[in-house]
Every structure is written in structure tokens, then in C-alpha cells.
């Protein structure tokens, strides 16, 4: 994570998917965290691995 990153945002999908694009456009200063399932994206927030999902 670089100094301009405001944390991580988890999303269901892979890098390059529409959900990844939506995260980058909506939260450009956050580091994307791809997850295979919606449940894992939410779990990343619960476990402190991401600020948003």
C-alpha cells in the first residue's frame, strides 16, 4: 500500500472485472482486494483486511 492509498476495498471478482473497474472509479485512492465470493469480500471487512466491500 502506498502513501496515497486510503485503505483497501474488497470486491467479488477478479482484477479487470466490471466490479474492479467500479471500485477504481468510485474509490480511486483505495487499493482493490479481489475476492472469489461476496461472502469473502464481506469477511475481508469483518477481519480488518479491507475498509469497504
N, C-alpha and C. Protein backbone atom coordinates (compact mmCIF):
# COMPACT_ATOMS: atom_id res chain seq x y z
N UNK A 1 0.85 -1.18 0.00
CA UNK A 1 0.00 0.00 0.00
C UNK A 1 0.89 1.24 0.00
N UNK A 2 0.66 2.13 -0.92
CA UNK A 2 1.49 3.32 -0.96
C UNK A 2 0.90 4.42 -0.09
N UNK A 3 1.61 5.53 0.03
CA UNK A 3 1.21 6.59 0.95
C UNK A 3 -0.07 7.29 0.54
N UNK A 4 -0.48 7.20 -0.73
CA UNK A 4 -1.71 7.86 -1.16
C UNK A 4 -2.93 6.94 -1.03
N UNK A 5 -2.70 5.68 -0.73
CA UNK A 5 -3.81 4.74 -0.62
C UNK A 5 -4.55 4.96 0.69
N UNK A 6 -5.86 4.98 0.61
CA UNK A 6 -6.71 5.21 1.78
C UNK A 6 -7.21 3.91 2.40
N UNK A 7 -6.58 2.81 2.12
CA UNK A 7 -7.02 1.51 2.62
C UNK A 7 -7.39 0.61 1.46
N UNK A 8 -7.98 -0.51 1.81
CA UNK A 8 -8.35 -1.49 0.80
C UNK A 8 -9.86 -1.57 0.66
N UNK A 9 -10.32 -1.88 -0.54
CA UNK A 9 -11.72 -2.13 -0.80
C UNK A 9 -11.83 -3.52 -1.43
N UNK A 10 -12.58 -4.39 -0.76
CA UNK A 10 -12.75 -5.74 -1.28
C UNK A 10 -13.95 -5.78 -2.22
N UNK A 11 -13.88 -6.66 -3.19
CA UNK A 11 -14.98 -6.81 -4.14
C UNK A 11 -15.01 -8.24 -4.64
N UNK A 12 -16.18 -8.69 -5.07
CA UNK A 12 -16.31 -10.02 -5.64
C UNK A 12 -15.90 -9.94 -7.09
N UNK A 13 -14.93 -10.73 -7.47
CA UNK A 13 -14.48 -10.75 -8.85
C UNK A 13 -12.97 -10.74 -8.93
N UNK A 14 -12.49 -10.59 -10.16
CA UNK A 14 -11.06 -10.59 -10.41
C UNK A 14 -10.61 -9.23 -10.91
N UNK A 15 -9.33 -8.97 -10.82
CA UNK A 15 -8.79 -7.73 -11.36
C UNK A 15 -9.15 -7.64 -12.84
N UNK A 16 -9.66 -6.49 -13.23
CA UNK A 16 -10.07 -6.29 -14.61
C UNK A 16 -11.56 -6.49 -14.84
N UNK A 17 -12.26 -7.07 -13.85
CA UNK A 17 -13.70 -7.27 -13.97
C UNK A 17 -14.44 -5.95 -13.80
N UNK A 18 -15.71 -5.92 -14.16
CA UNK A 18 -16.50 -4.70 -14.01
C UNK A 18 -16.54 -4.23 -12.56
N UNK A 19 -16.60 -5.16 -11.61
CA UNK A 19 -16.62 -4.76 -10.19
C UNK A 19 -15.31 -4.09 -9.80
N UNK A 20 -14.21 -4.54 -10.35
CA UNK A 20 -12.91 -3.91 -10.10
C UNK A 20 -12.91 -2.50 -10.69
N UNK A 21 -13.41 -2.36 -11.91
CA UNK A 21 -13.49 -1.05 -12.55
C UNK A 21 -14.35 -0.10 -11.74
N UNK A 22 -15.48 -0.59 -11.22
CA UNK A 22 -16.37 0.25 -10.41
C UNK A 22 -15.66 0.72 -9.14
N UNK A 23 -14.91 -0.16 -8.50
CA UNK A 23 -14.15 0.22 -7.30
C UNK A 23 -13.13 1.30 -7.63
N UNK A 24 -12.40 1.13 -8.71
CA UNK A 24 -11.35 2.09 -9.09
C UNK A 24 -11.94 3.45 -9.43
N UNK A 25 -13.11 3.46 -10.08
CA UNK A 25 -13.75 4.73 -10.46
C UNK A 25 -14.38 5.43 -9.26
N UNK A 26 -14.97 4.66 -8.35
CA UNK A 26 -15.66 5.23 -7.20
C UNK A 26 -14.71 5.58 -6.07
N UNK A 27 -13.71 4.73 -5.83
CA UNK A 27 -12.74 4.92 -4.75
C UNK A 27 -11.32 4.83 -5.32
N UNK A 28 -10.89 5.82 -6.11
CA UNK A 28 -9.60 5.73 -6.80
C UNK A 28 -8.38 5.69 -5.87
N UNK A 29 -8.53 6.14 -4.63
CA UNK A 29 -7.39 6.15 -3.71
C UNK A 29 -7.31 4.89 -2.86
N UNK A 30 -8.21 3.94 -3.08
CA UNK A 30 -8.19 2.71 -2.31
C UNK A 30 -7.57 1.58 -3.13
N UNK A 31 -6.90 0.68 -2.43
CA UNK A 31 -6.28 -0.48 -3.07
C UNK A 31 -7.35 -1.57 -3.24
N UNK A 32 -7.57 -2.07 -4.44
CA UNK A 32 -8.57 -3.11 -4.64
C UNK A 32 -8.11 -4.47 -4.10
N UNK A 33 -9.05 -5.20 -3.51
CA UNK A 33 -8.78 -6.54 -2.98
C UNK A 33 -9.80 -7.50 -3.59
N UNK A 34 -9.43 -8.21 -4.65
CA UNK A 34 -10.37 -9.13 -5.29
C UNK A 34 -10.65 -10.34 -4.41
N UNK A 35 -11.91 -10.80 -4.42
CA UNK A 35 -12.33 -11.97 -3.65
C UNK A 35 -13.17 -12.87 -4.54
N UNK A 36 -13.06 -14.18 -4.38
CA UNK A 36 -13.82 -15.11 -5.22
C UNK A 36 -15.33 -15.06 -4.99
N UNK A 37 -15.77 -14.72 -3.78
CA UNK A 37 -17.21 -14.71 -3.47
C UNK A 37 -17.58 -13.44 -2.73
N UNK A 38 -18.90 -13.12 -2.74
CA UNK A 38 -19.38 -11.98 -1.97
C UNK A 38 -19.13 -12.18 -0.48
N UNK A 39 -19.30 -13.42 -0.02
CA UNK A 39 -19.08 -13.73 1.39
C UNK A 39 -17.64 -13.43 1.80
N UNK A 40 -16.69 -13.75 0.95
CA UNK A 40 -15.29 -13.48 1.26
C UNK A 40 -14.98 -11.99 1.21
N UNK A 41 -15.66 -11.25 0.35
CA UNK A 41 -15.47 -9.80 0.30
C UNK A 41 -15.94 -9.16 1.61
N UNK A 42 -17.09 -9.60 2.12
CA UNK A 42 -17.61 -9.09 3.39
C UNK A 42 -16.72 -9.55 4.55
N UNK A 43 -16.26 -10.79 4.50
CA UNK A 43 -15.38 -11.31 5.56
C UNK A 43 -14.08 -10.51 5.63
N UNK A 44 -13.59 -10.02 4.50
CA UNK A 44 -12.37 -9.21 4.50
C UNK A 44 -12.56 -7.95 5.34
N UNK A 45 -13.74 -7.36 5.29
CA UNK A 45 -14.04 -6.19 6.12
C UNK A 45 -14.14 -6.60 7.58
N UNK A 46 -14.86 -7.66 7.84
CA UNK A 46 -15.03 -8.14 9.23
C UNK A 46 -13.70 -8.45 9.90
N UNK A 47 -12.75 -8.97 9.12
CA UNK A 47 -11.45 -9.36 9.68
C UNK A 47 -10.40 -8.26 9.59
N UNK A 48 -10.82 -7.07 9.15
CA UNK A 48 -9.90 -5.94 9.11
C UNK A 48 -8.95 -5.92 7.93
N UNK A 49 -9.18 -6.76 6.94
CA UNK A 49 -8.32 -6.80 5.76
C UNK A 49 -8.69 -5.71 4.75
N UNK A 50 -9.91 -5.18 4.86
CA UNK A 50 -10.39 -4.12 3.97
C UNK A 50 -11.27 -3.17 4.77
N UNK A 51 -11.33 -1.91 4.32
CA UNK A 51 -12.19 -0.92 4.98
C UNK A 51 -13.61 -0.96 4.44
N UNK A 52 -13.74 -1.28 3.16
CA UNK A 52 -15.04 -1.31 2.48
C UNK A 52 -15.16 -2.56 1.63
N UNK A 53 -16.40 -2.90 1.29
CA UNK A 53 -16.66 -4.01 0.36
C UNK A 53 -17.74 -3.57 -0.61
